Amino acid sequence: MNPANGIKIDNFLHDIQSLSEEKFTLLVSIKKIFNEAHAGLVEDIKYGGLVFSLSNTLVGGIYVYEKHLSIEFSHGAELSDLDHILEGKGKKRRHIKIYSMSDISEKKVGYFVR
């Protein structure tokens, strides 16, 4: 990882933690799912959130809002979603809103990240 990216990520995480311990815990849990699912994943801070790239292609990100976190999937429209969990109507992107720790399993975050 680029050392400058590491500093940006550390600062971002610190800022989230200072604003909300609950959102920080959710963010770290989701970040771990991304990192465990994909070897070679590159993290960065872009567009106001923590983003993940593979082979220089943006695959998704985590964005923190006042009442929830949003997990964005750059090519989410291509994902199989038989339970209609993914939200959004764009050509490519889809997202999942996370309000609590239980949402991570109930909304099958691990499945979609893999």
PDB file of N, CA and C in Angstrom:
ATOM      1  N   MET A   1       0.855  -1.181   0.000  1.00  0.00           N
ATOM      2  CA  MET A   1       0.000   0.000   0.000  1.00  0.00           C
ATOM      3  C   MET A   1       0.896   1.238   0.000  1.00  0.00           C
ATOM      4  N   ASN A   2       0.488   2.220  -0.718  1.00  0.00           N
ATOM      5  CA  ASN A   2       1.159   3.511  -0.739  1.00  0.00           C
ATOM      6  C   ASN A   2       1.069   4.119   0.666  1.00  0.00           C
ATOM      7  N   PRO A   3       2.225   4.542   1.239  1.00  0.00           N
ATOM      8  CA  PRO A   3       2.189   5.112   2.600  1.00  0.00           C
ATOM      9  C   PRO A   3       1.225   6.294   2.733  1.00  0.00           C
ATOM     10  N   ALA A   4       1.108   7.116   1.692  1.00  0.00           N
ATOM     11  CA  ALA A   4       0.181   8.253   1.754  1.00  0.00           C
ATOM     12  C   ALA A   4      -1.258   7.761   1.870  1.00  0.00           C
ATOM     13  N   ASN A   5      -1.595   6.670   1.166  1.00  0.00           N
ATOM     14  CA  ASN A   5      -2.939   6.094   1.279  1.00  0.00           C
ATOM     15  C   ASN A   5      -3.189   5.606   2.692  1.00  0.00           C
ATOM     16  N   GLY A   6      -2.178   4.973   3.292  1.00  0.00           N
ATOM     17  CA  GLY A   6      -2.310   4.476   4.657  1.00  0.00           C
ATOM     18  C   GLY A   6      -2.619   5.592   5.636  1.00  0.00           C
ATOM     19  N   ILE A   7      -1.952   6.729   5.466  1.00  0.00           N
ATOM     20  CA  ILE A   7      -2.198   7.878   6.341  1.00  0.00           C
ATOM     21  C   ILE A   7      -3.610   8.416   6.125  1.00  0.00           C
ATOM     22  N   LYS A   8      -4.037   8.517   4.856  1.00  0.00           N
ATOM     23  CA  LYS A   8      -5.406   8.994   4.570  1.00  0.00           C
ATOM     24  C   LYS A   8      -6.445   8.060   5.178  1.00  0.00           C
ATOM     25  N   ILE A   9      -6.200   6.765   5.050  1.00  0.00           N
ATOM     26  CA  ILE A   9      -7.147   5.788   5.586  1.00  0.00           C
ATOM     27  C   ILE A   9      -7.178   5.862   7.110  1.00  0.00           C
ATOM     28  N   ASP A  10      -6.011   5.932   7.729  1.00  0.00           N
ATOM     29  CA  ASP A  10      -5.955   6.046   9.193  1.00  0.00           C
ATOM     30  C   ASP A  10      -6.684   7.299   9.673  1.00  0.00           C
ATOM     31  N   ASN A  11      -6.474   8.419   8.991  1.00  0.00           N
ATOM     32  CA  ASN A  11      -7.152   9.669   9.363  1.00  0.00           C
ATOM     33  C   ASN A  11      -8.658   9.552   9.187  1.00  0.00           C
ATOM     34  N   PHE A  12      -9.096   8.931   8.091  1.00  0.00           N
ATOM     35  CA  PHE A  12     -10.519   8.725   7.834  1.00  0.00           C
ATOM     36  C   PHE A  12     -11.137   7.883   8.950  1.00  0.00           C
ATOM     37  N   LEU A  13     -10.483   6.762   9.279  1.00  0.00           N
ATOM     38  CA  LEU A  13     -11.000   5.883  10.326  1.00  0.00           C
ATOM     39  C   LEU A  13     -11.046   6.599  11.673  1.00  0.00           C
ATOM     40  N   HIS A  14     -10.008   7.357  11.969  1.00  0.00           N
ATOM     41  CA  HIS A  14      -9.980   8.122  13.224  1.00  0.00           C
ATOM     42  C   HIS A  14     -11.135   9.124  13.272  1.00  0.00           C
ATOM     43  N   ASP A  15     -11.375   9.814  12.159  1.00  0.00           N
ATOM     44  CA  ASP A  15     -12.471  10.790  12.103  1.00  0.00           C
ATOM     45  C   ASP A  15     -13.819  10.115  12.347  1.00  0.00           C
ATOM     46  N   ILE A  16     -14.036   8.968  11.712  1.00  0.00           N
ATOM     47  CA  ILE A  16     -15.301   8.253  11.894  1.00  0.00           C
ATOM     48  C   ILE A  16     -15.438   7.805  13.339  1.00  0.00           C
ATOM     49  N   GLN A  17     -14.352   7.290  13.921  1.00  0.00           N
ATOM     50  CA  GLN A  17     -14.395   6.825  15.301  1.00  0.00           C
ATOM     51  C   GLN A  17     -14.707   7.965  16.259  1.00  0.00           C
ATOM     52  N   SER A  18     -14.162   9.140  15.984  1.00  0.00           N
ATOM     53  CA  SER A  18     -14.412  10.270  16.879  1.00  0.00           C
ATOM     54  C   SER A  18     -15.848  10.780  16.761  1.00  0.00           C
ATOM     55  N   LEU A  19     -16.486  10.539  15.616  1.00  0.00           N
ATOM     56  CA  LEU A  19     -17.873  10.956  15.422  1.00  0.00           C
ATOM     57  C   LEU A  19     -18.867   9.943  15.981  1.00  0.00           C
ATOM     58  N   SER A  20     -18.563   8.642  15.773  1.00  0.00           N
ATOM     59  CA  SER A  20     -19.511   7.610  16.184  1.00  0.00           C
ATOM     60  C   SER A  20     -18.793   6.272  16.335  1.00  0.00           C
ATOM     61  N   GLU A  21     -18.715   5.792  17.546  1.00  0.00           N
ATOM     62  CA  GLU A  21     -18.087   4.487  17.791  1.00  0.00           C
ATOM     63  C   GLU A  21     -18.870   3.376  17.092  1.00  0.00           C
ATOM     64  N   GLU A  22     -20.192   3.503  17.053  1.00  0.00           N
ATOM     65  CA  GLU A  22     -21.029   2.494  16.401  1.00  0.00           C
ATOM     66  C   GLU A  22     -20.742   2.419  14.898  1.00  0.00           C
ATOM     67  N   LYS A  23     -20.685   3.573  14.229  1.00  0.00           N
ATOM     68  CA  LYS A  23     -20.408   3.579  12.794  1.00  0.00           C
ATOM     69  C   LYS A  23     -18.985   3.099  12.512  1.00  0.00           C
ATOM     70  N   PHE A  24     -18.054   3.451  13.391  1.00  0.00           N
ATOM     71  CA  PHE A  24     -16.683   2.983  13.251  1.00  0.00           C
ATOM     72  C   PHE A  24     -16.631   1.457  13.318  1.00  0.00           C
ATOM     73  N   THR A  25     -17.328   0.859  14.265  1.00  0.00           N
ATOM     74  CA  THR A  25     -17.355  -0.594  14.417  1.00  0.00           C
ATOM     75  C   THR A  25     -17.957  -1.250  13.178  1.00  0.00           C
ATOM     76  N   LEU A  26     -19.035  -0.690  12.655  1.00  0.00           N
ATOM     77  CA  LEU A  26     -19.645  -1.207  11.425  1.00  0.00           C
ATOM     78  C   LEU A  26     -18.660  -1.109  10.261  1.00  0.00           C
ATOM     79  N   LEU A  27     -18.032   0.037  10.120  1.00  0.00           N
ATOM     80  CA  LEU A  27     -17.089   0.272   9.029  1.00  0.00           C
ATOM     81  C   LEU A  27     -15.934  -0.721   9.074  1.00  0.00           C
ATOM     82  N   VAL A  28     -15.346  -0.911  10.241  1.00  0.00           N
ATOM     83  CA  VAL A  28     -14.218  -1.831  10.382  1.00  0.00           C
ATOM     84  C   VAL A  28     -14.665  -3.265  10.084  1.00  0.00           C
ATOM     85  N   SER A  29     -15.853  -3.633  10.496  1.00  0.00           N
ATOM     86  CA  SER A  29     -16.368  -4.980  10.231  1.00  0.00           C
ATOM     87  C   SER A  29     -16.549  -5.220   8.739  1.00  0.00           C
ATOM     88  N   ILE A  30     -17.082  -4.246   8.031  1.00  0.00           N
ATOM     89  CA  ILE A  30     -17.301  -4.381   6.588  1.00  0.00           C
ATOM     90  C   ILE A  30     -15.969  -4.349   5.843  1.00  0.00           C
ATOM     91  N   LYS A  31     -15.065  -3.500   6.287  1.00  0.00           N
ATOM     92  CA  LYS A  31     -13.723  -3.416   5.699  1.00  0.00           C
ATOM     93  C   LYS A  31     -13.040  -4.779   5.789  1.00  0.00           C
ATOM     94  N   LYS A  32     -13.179  -5.443   6.921  1.00  0.00           N
ATOM     95  CA  LYS A  32     -12.586  -6.762   7.126  1.00  0.00           C
ATOM     96  C   LYS A  32     -13.172  -7.777   6.140  1.00  0.00           C
ATOM     97  N   ILE A  33     -14.464  -7.714   5.893  1.00  0.00           N
ATOM     98  CA  ILE A  33     -15.107  -8.623   4.939  1.00  0.00           C
ATOM     99  C   ILE A  33     -14.502  -8.432   3.551  1.00  0.00           C
ATOM    100  N   PHE A  34     -14.342  -7.183   3.127  1.00  0.00           N
ATOM    101  CA  PHE A  34     -13.731  -6.903   1.821  1.00  0.00           C
ATOM    102  C   PHE A  34     -12.323  -7.490   1.760  1.00  0.00           C
ATOM    103  N   ASN A  35     -11.520  -7.210   2.784  1.00  0.00           N
ATOM    104  CA  ASN A  35     -10.125  -7.650   2.760  1.00  0.00           C
ATOM    105  C   ASN A  35      -9.975  -9.162   2.830  1.00  0.00           C
ATOM    106  N   GLU A  36     -10.853  -9.837   3.547  1.00  0.00           N
ATOM    107  CA  GLU A  36     -10.781 -11.296   3.625  1.00  0.00           C
ATOM    108  C   GLU A  36     -11.273 -11.958   2.341  1.00  0.00           C
ATOM    109  N   ALA A  37     -12.124 -11.286   1.607  1.00  0.00           N
ATOM    110  CA  ALA A  37     -12.712 -11.865   0.396  1.00  0.00           C
ATOM    111  C   ALA A  37     -11.803 -11.748  -0.819  1.00  0.00           C
ATOM    112  N   HIS A  38     -10.905 -10.783  -0.823  1.00  0.00           N
ATOM    113  CA  HIS A  38     -10.113 -10.512  -2.029  1.00  0.00           C
ATOM    114  C   HIS A  38      -8.650 -10.254  -1.707  1.00  0.00           C
ATOM    115  N   ALA A  39      -7.783 -11.166  -2.142  1.00  0.00           N
ATOM    116  CA  ALA A  39      -6.343 -10.931  -2.018  1.00  0.00           C
ATOM    117  C   ALA A  39      -5.963  -9.845  -3.029  1.00  0.00           C
ATOM    118  N   GLY A  40      -5.058  -8.984  -2.650  1.00  0.00           N
ATOM    119  CA  GLY A  40      -4.599  -7.948  -3.566  1.00  0.00           C
ATOM    120  C   GLY A  40      -5.491  -6.733  -3.635  1.00  0.00           C
ATOM    121  N   LEU A  41      -6.446  -6.642  -2.750  1.00  0.00           N
ATOM    122  CA  LEU A  41      -7.346  -5.493  -2.717  1.00  0.00           C
ATOM    123  C   LEU A  41      -6.564  -4.247  -2.297  1.00  0.00           C
ATOM    124  N   VAL A  42      -6.809  -3.146  -2.963  1.00  0.00           N
ATOM    125  CA  VAL A  42      -6.148  -1.881  -2.640  1.00  0.00           C
ATOM    126  C   VAL A  42      -7.199  -0.924  -2.088  1.00  0.00           C
ATOM    127  N   GLU A  43      -6.893  -0.348  -0.933  1.00  0.00           N
ATOM    128  CA  GLU A  43      -7.803   0.600  -0.284  1.00  0.00           C
ATOM    129  C   GLU A  43      -7.334   2.014  -0.549  1.00  0.00           C
ATOM    130  N   ASP A  44      -8.287   2.934  -0.602  1.00  0.00           N
ATOM    131  CA  ASP A  44      -7.977   4.354  -0.750  1.00  0.00           C
ATOM    132  C   ASP A  44      -9.178   5.146  -0.241  1.00  0.00           C
ATOM    133  N   ILE A  45      -8.978   6.433  -0.086  1.00  0.00           N
ATOM    134  CA  ILE A  45     -10.071   7.330   0.266  1.00  0.00           C
ATOM    135  C   ILE A  45     -10.392   8.149  -0.976  1.00  0.00           C
ATOM    136  N   LYS A  46     -11.616   7.990  -1.478  1.00  0.00           N
ATOM    137  CA  LYS A  46     -12.075   8.742  -2.650  1.00  0.00           C
ATOM    138  C   LYS A  46     -13.564   8.991  -2.501  1.00  0.00           C
ATOM    139  N   TYR A  47     -14.003  10.084  -3.080  1.00  0.00           N
ATOM    140  CA  TYR A  47     -15.435  10.404  -3.125  1.00  0.00           C
ATOM    141  C   TYR A  47     -16.049  10.463  -1.726  1.00  0.00           C
ATOM    142  N   GLY A  48     -15.229  10.726  -0.711  1.00  0.00           N
ATOM    143  CA  GLY A  48     -15.724  10.851   0.652  1.00  0.00           C
ATOM    144  C   GLY A  48     -15.885   9.550   1.403  1.00  0.00           C
ATOM    145  N   GLY A  49     -15.344   8.460   0.864  1.00  0.00           N
ATOM    146  CA  GLY A  49     -15.474   7.177   1.538  1.00  0.00           C
ATOM    147  C   GLY A  49     -14.252   6.314   1.347  1.00  0.00           C
ATOM    148  N   LEU A  50     -14.302   5.143   1.915  1.00  0.00           N
ATOM    149  CA  LEU A  50     -13.240   4.151   1.792  1.00  0.00           C
ATOM    150  C   LEU A  50     -13.568   3.284   0.582  1.00  0.00           C
ATOM    151  N   VAL A  51     -12.684   3.313  -0.423  1.00  0.00           N
ATOM    152  CA  VAL A  51     -12.946   2.563  -1.653  1.00  0.00           C
ATOM    153  C   VAL A  51     -11.962   1.411  -1.795  1.00  0.00           C
ATOM    154  N   PHE A  52     -12.369   0.424  -2.585  1.00  0.00           N
ATOM    155  CA  PHE A  52     -11.589  -0.784  -2.802  1.00  0.00           C
ATOM    156  C   PHE A  52     -11.426  -1.011  -4.297  1.00  0.00           C
ATOM    157  N   SER A  53     -10.187  -1.317  -4.690  1.00  0.00           N
ATOM    158  CA  SER A  53      -9.885  -1.588  -6.095  1.00  0.00           C
ATOM    159  C   SER A  53      -9.152  -2.913  -6.219  1.00  0.00           C
ATOM    160  N   LEU A  54      -9.385  -3.587  -7.325  1.00  0.00           N
ATOM    161  CA  LEU A  54      -8.656  -4.794  -7.708  1.00  0.00           C
ATOM    162  C   LEU A  54      -8.129  -4.572  -9.115  1.00  0.00           C
ATOM    163  N   SER A  55      -6.849  -4.803  -9.311  1.00  0.00           N
ATOM    164  CA  SER A  55      -6.237  -4.639 -10.636  1.00  0.00           C
ATOM    165  C   SER A  55      -6.587  -3.282 -11.246  1.00  0.00           C
ATOM    166  N   ASN A  56      -6.472  -2.232 -10.441  1.00  0.00           N
ATOM    167  CA  ASN A  56      -6.747  -0.848 -10.863  1.00  0.00           C
ATOM    168  C   ASN A  56      -8.186  -0.605 -11.285  1.00  0.00           C
ATOM    169  N   THR A  57      -9.100  -1.481 -10.868  1.00  0.00           N
ATOM    170  CA  THR A  57     -10.522  -1.305 -11.170  1.00  0.00           C
ATOM    171  C   THR A  57     -11.277  -1.124  -9.854  1.00  0.00           C
ATOM    172  N   LEU A  58     -12.011  -0.039  -9.751  1.00  0.00           N
ATOM    173  CA  LEU A  58     -12.808   0.236  -8.558  1.00  0.00           C
ATOM    174  C   LEU A  58     -13.929  -0.800  -8.461  1.00  0.00           C
ATOM    175  N   VAL A  59     -13.966  -1.523  -7.333  1.00  0.00           N
ATOM    176  CA  VAL A  59     -15.004  -2.539  -7.168  1.00  0.00           C
ATOM    177  C   VAL A  59     -16.098  -2.109  -6.206  1.00  0.00           C
ATOM    178  N   GLY A  60     -15.769  -1.197  -5.293  1.00  0.00           N
ATOM    179  CA  GLY A  60     -16.794  -0.756  -4.364  1.00  0.00           C
ATOM    180  C   GLY A  60     -16.229   0.148  -3.298  1.00  0.00           C
ATOM    181  N   GLY A  61     -17.103   0.493  -2.354  1.00  0.00           N
ATOM    182  CA  GLY A  61     -16.675   1.366  -1.283  1.00  0.00           C
ATOM    183  C   GLY A  61     -17.674   1.397  -0.150  1.00  0.00           C
ATOM    184  N   ILE A  62     -17.229   2.006   0.942  1.00  0.00           N
ATOM    185  CA  ILE A  62     -18.073   2.168   2.124  1.00  0.00           C
ATOM    186  C   ILE A  62     -18.171   3.662   2.415  1.00  0.00           C
ATOM    187  N   TYR A  63     -19.379   4.155   2.536  1.00  0.00           N
ATOM    188  CA  TYR A  63     -19.623   5.578   2.763  1.00  0.00           C
ATOM    189  C   TYR A  63     -20.449   5.739   4.033  1.00  0.00           C
ATOM    190  N   VAL A  64     -20.080   6.712   4.831  1.00  0.00           N
ATOM    191  CA  VAL A  64     -20.727   6.931   6.117  1.00  0.00           C
ATOM    192  C   VAL A  64     -21.673   8.125   6.003  1.00  0.00           C
ATOM    193  N   TYR A  65     -22.914   7.902   6.387  1.00  0.00           N
ATOM    194  CA  TYR A  65     -23.929   8.952   6.389  1.00  0.00           C
ATOM    195  C   TYR A  65     -24.440   9.145   7.815  1.00  0.00           C
ATOM    196  N   GLU A  66     -25.272  10.126   8.001  1.00  0.00           N
ATOM    197  CA  GLU A  66     -25.751  10.449   9.346  1.00  0.00           C
ATOM    198  C   GLU A  66     -26.444   9.270  10.027  1.00  0.00           C
ATOM    199  N   LYS A  67     -27.293   8.558   9.281  1.00  0.00           N
ATOM    200  CA  LYS A  67     -28.088   7.496   9.902  1.00  0.00           C
ATOM    201  C   LYS A  67     -27.697   6.086   9.482  1.00  0.00           C
ATOM    202  N   HIS A  68     -26.773   5.960   8.531  1.00  0.00           N
ATOM    203  CA  HIS A  68     -26.411   4.623   8.052  1.00  0.00           C
ATOM    204  C   HIS A  68     -25.058   4.642   7.350  1.00  0.00           C
ATOM    205  N   LEU A  69     -24.581   3.443   7.016  1.00  0.00           N
ATOM    206  CA  LEU A  69     -23.441   3.275   6.120  1.00  0.00           C
ATOM    207  C   LEU A  69     -23.996   2.731   4.819  1.00  0.00           C
ATOM    208  N   SER A  70     -23.343   3.058   3.735  1.00  0.00           N
ATOM    209  CA  SER A  70     -23.746   2.535   2.445  1.00  0.00           C
ATOM    210  C   SER A  70     -22.567   1.783   1.845  1.00  0.00           C
ATOM    211  N   ILE A  71     -22.816   0.550   1.468  1.00  0.00           N
ATOM    212  CA  ILE A  71     -21.806  -0.238   0.770  1.00  0.00           C
ATOM    213  C   ILE A  71     -22.154  -0.150  -0.702  1.00  0.00           C
ATOM    214  N   GLU A  72     -21.257   0.429  -1.474  1.00  0.00           N
ATOM    215  CA  GLU A  72     -21.477   0.641  -2.899  1.00  0.00           C
ATOM    216  C   GLU A  72     -20.733  -0.421  -3.700  1.00  0.00           C
ATOM    217  N   PHE A  73     -21.382  -0.962  -4.691  1.00  0.00           N
ATOM    218  CA  PHE A  73     -20.769  -1.928  -5.595  1.00  0.00           C
ATOM    219  C   PHE A  73     -20.749  -1.325  -6.992  1.00  0.00           C
ATOM    220  N   SER A  74     -19.553  -1.113  -7.516  1.00  0.00           N
ATOM    221  CA  SER A  74     -19.393  -0.439  -8.806  1.00  0.00           C
ATOM    222  C   SER A  74     -20.107  -1.163  -9.936  1.00  0.00           C
ATOM    223  N   HIS A  75     -20.150  -2.488  -9.879  1.00  0.00           N
ATOM    224  CA  HIS A  75     -20.826  -3.277 -10.912  1.00  0.00           C
ATOM    225  C   HIS A  75     -21.925  -4.121 -10.275  1.00  0.00           C
ATOM    226  N   GLY A  76     -22.615  -3.514  -9.332  1.00  0.00           N
ATOM    227  CA  GLY A  76     -23.643  -4.217  -8.579  1.00  0.00           C
ATOM    228  C   GLY A  76     -24.808  -4.716  -9.410  1.00  0.00           C
ATOM    229  N   ALA A  77     -25.086  -4.065 -10.528  1.00  0.00           N
ATOM    230  CA  ALA A  77     -26.192  -4.498 -11.379  1.00  0.00           C
ATOM    231  C   ALA A  77     -25.932  -5.877 -11.971  1.00  0.00           C
ATOM    232  N   GLU A  78     -24.662  -6.289 -11.992  1.00  0.00           N
ATOM    233  CA  GLU A  78     -24.298  -7.600 -12.545  1.00  0.00           C
ATOM    234  C   GLU A  78     -24.382  -8.712 -11.504  1.00  0.00           C
ATOM    235  N   LEU A  79     -24.577  -8.352 -10.228  1.00  0.00           N
ATOM    236  CA  LEU A  79     -24.611  -9.351  -9.162  1.00  0.00           C
ATOM    237  C   LEU A  79     -25.967 -10.050  -9.095  1.00  0.00           C
ATOM    238  N   SER A  80     -25.932 -11.329  -8.801  1.00  0.00           N
ATOM    239  CA  SER A  80     -27.167 -12.086  -8.600  1.00  0.00           C
ATOM    240  C   SER A  80     -27.777 -11.646  -7.265  1.00  0.00           C
ATOM    241  N   ASP A  81     -29.038 -11.245  -7.299  1.00  0.00           N
ATOM    242  CA  ASP A  81     -29.711 -10.718  -6.111  1.00  0.00           C
ATOM    243  C   ASP A  81     -31.146 -11.237  -6.048  1.00  0.00           C
ATOM    244  N   LEU A  82     -31.277 -12.533  -5.822  1.00  0.00           N
ATOM    245  CA  LEU A  82     -32.602 -13.158  -5.817  1.00  0.00           C
ATOM    246  C   LEU A  82     -33.500 -12.637  -4.708  1.00  0.00           C
ATOM    247  N   ASP A  83     -32.900 -12.148  -3.607  1.00  0.00           N
ATOM    248  CA  ASP A  83     -33.685 -11.653  -2.476  1.00  0.00           C
ATOM    249  C   ASP A  83     -33.957 -10.149  -2.559  1.00  0.00           C
ATOM    250  N   HIS A  84     -33.528  -9.505  -3.630  1.00  0.00           N
ATOM    251  CA  HIS A  84     -33.765  -8.072  -3.860  1.00  0.00           C
ATOM    252  C   HIS A  84     -33.261  -7.211  -2.705  1.00  0.00           C
ATOM    253  N   ILE A  85     -32.035  -7.464  -2.299  1.00  0.00           N
ATOM    254  CA  ILE A  85     -31.407  -6.719  -1.211  1.00  0.00           C
ATOM    255  C   ILE A  85     -30.756  -5.442  -1.727  1.00  0.00           C
ATOM    256  N   LEU A  86     -30.129  -5.529  -2.892  1.00  0.00           N
ATOM    257  CA  LEU A  86     -29.417  -4.374  -3.442  1.00  0.00           C
ATOM    258  C   LEU A  86     -30.393  -3.276  -3.829  1.00  0.00           C
ATOM    259  N   GLU A  87     -29.968  -2.040  -3.572  1.00  0.00           N
ATOM    260  CA  GLU A  87     -30.787  -0.885  -3.911  1.00  0.00           C
ATOM    261  C   GLU A  87     -30.115  -0.107  -5.043  1.00  0.00           C
ATOM    262  N   GLY A  88     -30.916   0.670  -5.761  1.00  0.00           N
ATOM    263  CA  GLY A  88     -30.403   1.506  -6.836  1.00  0.00           C
ATOM    264  C   GLY A  88     -30.931   1.057  -8.183  1.00  0.00           C
ATOM    265  N   LYS A  89     -30.989   1.997  -9.092  1.00  0.00           N
ATOM    266  CA  LYS A  89     -31.566   1.724 -10.408  1.00  0.00           C
ATOM    267  C   LYS A  89     -30.631   2.112 -11.554  1.00  0.00           C
ATOM    268  N   GLY A  90     -29.386   2.518 -11.222  1.00  0.00           N
ATOM    269  CA  GLY A  90     -28.449   2.934 -12.261  1.00  0.00           C
ATOM    270  C   GLY A  90     -28.053   1.794 -13.179  1.00  0.00           C
ATOM    271  N   LYS A  91     -27.328   2.126 -14.234  1.00  0.00           N
ATOM    272  CA  LYS A  91     -26.893   1.114 -15.194  1.00  0.00           C
ATOM    273  C   LYS A  91     -25.939   0.102 -14.566  1.00  0.00           C
ATOM    274  N   LYS A  92     -25.084   0.554 -13.620  1.00  0.00           N
ATOM    275  CA  LYS A  92     -24.064  -0.328 -13.079  1.00  0.00           C
ATOM    276  C   LYS A  92     -24.078  -0.450 -11.560  1.00  0.00           C
ATOM    277  N   ARG A  93     -24.156   0.647 -10.858  1.00  0.00           N
ATOM    278  CA  ARG A  93     -23.983   0.649  -9.402  1.00  0.00           C
ATOM    279  C   ARG A  93     -25.221   0.173  -8.659  1.00  0.00           C
ATOM    280  N   ARG A  94     -24.943  -0.470  -7.517  1.00  0.00           N
ATOM    281  CA  ARG A  94     -25.980  -0.837  -6.558  1.00  0.00           C
ATOM    282  C   ARG A  94     -25.384  -0.632  -5.173  1.00  0.00           C
ATOM    283  N   HIS A  95     -26.238  -0.538  -4.173  1.00  0.00           N
ATOM    284  CA  HIS A  95     -25.759  -0.330  -2.814  1.00  0.00           C
ATOM    285  C   HIS A  95     -26.639  -1.052  -1.802  1.00  0.00           C
ATOM    286  N   ILE A  96     -26.066  -1.193  -0.604  1.00  0.00           N
ATOM    287  CA  ILE A  96     -26.789  -1.760   0.533  1.00  0.00           C
ATOM    288  C   ILE A  96     -26.646  -0.764   1.677  1.00  0.00           C
ATOM    289  N   LYS A  97     -27.742  -0.417   2.301  1.00  0.00           N
ATOM    290  CA  LYS A  97     -27.703   0.466   3.469  1.00  0.00           C
ATOM    291  C   LYS A  97     -27.579  -0.388   4.731  1.00  0.00           C
ATOM    292  N   ILE A  98     -26.633  -0.014   5.585  1.00  0.00           N
ATOM    293  CA  ILE A  98     -26.377  -0.741   6.822  1.00  0.00           C
ATOM    294  C   ILE A  98     -26.673   0.195   7.996  1.00  0.00           C
ATOM    295  N   TYR A  99     -27.611  -0.220   8.848  1.00  0.00           N
ATOM    296  CA  TYR A  99     -27.999   0.564  10.016  1.00  0.00           C
ATOM    297  C   TYR A  99     -27.483  -0.038  11.317  1.00  0.00           C
ATOM    298  N   SER A 100     -27.250  -1.356  11.318  1.00  0.00           N
ATOM    299  CA  SER A 100     -26.843  -2.035  12.550  1.00  0.00           C
ATOM    300  C   SER A 100     -25.956  -3.229  12.198  1.00  0.00           C
ATOM    301  N   MET A 101     -25.306  -3.779  13.210  1.00  0.00           N
ATOM    302  CA  MET A 101     -24.433  -4.932  13.010  1.00  0.00           C
ATOM    303  C   MET A 101     -25.206  -6.116  12.431  1.00  0.00           C
ATOM    304  N   SER A 102     -26.454  -6.287  12.835  1.00  0.00           N
ATOM    305  CA  SER A 102     -27.239  -7.416  12.327  1.00  0.00           C
ATOM    306  C   SER A 102     -27.514  -7.294  10.826  1.00  0.00           C
ATOM    307  N   ASP A 103     -27.537  -6.068  10.306  1.00  0.00           N
ATOM    308  CA  ASP A 103     -27.747  -5.878   8.865  1.00  0.00           C
ATOM    309  C   ASP A 103     -26.641  -6.529   8.036  1.00  0.00           C
ATOM    310  N   ILE A 104     -25.442  -6.602   8.591  1.00  0.00           N
ATOM    311  CA  ILE A 104     -24.314  -7.161   7.841  1.00  0.00           C
ATOM    312  C   ILE A 104     -24.598  -8.602   7.441  1.00  0.00           C
ATOM    313  N   SER A 105     -25.136  -9.389   8.340  1.00  0.00           N
ATOM    314  CA  SER A 105     -25.469 -10.775   7.993  1.00  0.00           C
ATOM    315  C   SER A 105     -26.832 -10.870   7.314  1.00  0.00           C
ATOM    316  N   GLU A 106     -27.813 -10.143   7.830  1.00  0.00           N
ATOM    317  CA  GLU A 106     -29.164 -10.227   7.266  1.00  0.00           C
ATOM    318  C   GLU A 106     -29.218  -9.769   5.808  1.00  0.00           C
ATOM    319  N   LYS A 107     -28.378  -8.806   5.449  1.00  0.00           N
ATOM    320  CA  LYS A 107     -28.361  -8.302   4.067  1.00  0.00           C
ATOM    321  C   LYS A 107     -27.253  -8.940   3.232  1.00  0.00           C
ATOM    322  N   LYS A 108     -26.688 -10.029   3.749  1.00  0.00           N
ATOM    323  CA  LYS A 108     -25.747 -10.883   3.011  1.00  0.00           C
ATOM    324  C   LYS A 108     -24.555 -10.125   2.443  1.00  0.00           C
ATOM    325  N   VAL A 109     -23.988  -9.237   3.266  1.00  0.00           N
ATOM    326  CA  VAL A 109     -22.860  -8.429   2.806  1.00  0.00           C
ATOM    327  C   VAL A 109     -21.701  -9.307   2.326  1.00  0.00           C
ATOM    328  N   GLY A 110     -21.361 -10.329   3.087  1.00  0.00           N
ATOM    329  CA  GLY A 110     -20.272 -11.212   2.694  1.00  0.00           C
ATOM    330  C   GLY A 110     -20.482 -11.836   1.326  1.00  0.00           C
ATOM    331  N   TYR A 111     -21.700 -12.269   1.052  1.00  0.00           N
ATOM    332  CA  TYR A 111     -22.033 -12.849  -0.254  1.00  0.00           C
ATOM    333  C   TYR A 111     -21.781 -11.841  -1.375  1.00  0.00           C
ATOM    334  N   PHE A 112     -22.288 -10.636  -1.228  1.00  0.00           N
ATOM    335  CA  PHE A 112     -22.147  -9.638  -2.280  1.00  0.00           C
ATOM    336  C   PHE A 112     -20.700  -9.189  -2.458  1.00  0.00           C
ATOM    337  N   VAL A 113     -19.966  -9.076  -1.370  1.00  0.00           N
ATOM    338  CA  VAL A 113     -18.559  -8.683  -1.467  1.00  0.00           C
ATOM    339  C   VAL A 113     -17.750  -9.758  -2.192  1.00  0.00           C
ATOM    340  N   ARG A 114     -18.010 -11.022  -1.892  1.00  0.00           N
ATOM    341  CA  ARG A 114     -17.288 -12.108  -2.583  1.00  0.00           C
ATOM    342  C   ARG A 114     -17.648 -12.133  -4.052  1.00  0.00           C
TER     343      ARG A 114
END
